Amino acid sequence: TASQAYLTDGVGTVLGEDASLLYCTSTHLTDFAGINVPTSKEELDMQVSAVLARRVNTFSAVTAATALSDINLDVIAENSVIYGLVLGLSSVCALCVGLLSWLDYHARLRHLRN
């Protein structure tokens, strides 16, 4: 039925730089999971090397700018509790990072003085 269909609004795919990976993208708060199975020894070596070099696919500044440039206020209004929760938790996290950085800085100063 129509109510059981997945919506594709705001969802897309992007081919990776070396054309061996396909990334799922979204302009809303949906998590995606995928499995990338190497098809050759070279691909496996490349993936293992990337993990060992700690090159992990993360939310980049470009991705953030793209997501923030396409804000749909109607979607935010429909999901205000979720957006409020995410914004609130992000704010608490940022405050904790700032506080802990300040505490660490002063602890290092005390250590250097002694």
Foldseek 3Di string as FASTA:
>chain_A
DVVPDDDCVQWDWDQDPVRQDIDIGGLDPDDDDDDRDDPDPVVVVVVVVCVVVVPDDDCDPVNVVVSVVDDDVVVCVVVVVVVVVVVVVVVVVVVVVVVVVVVVVVVVVVVVVD
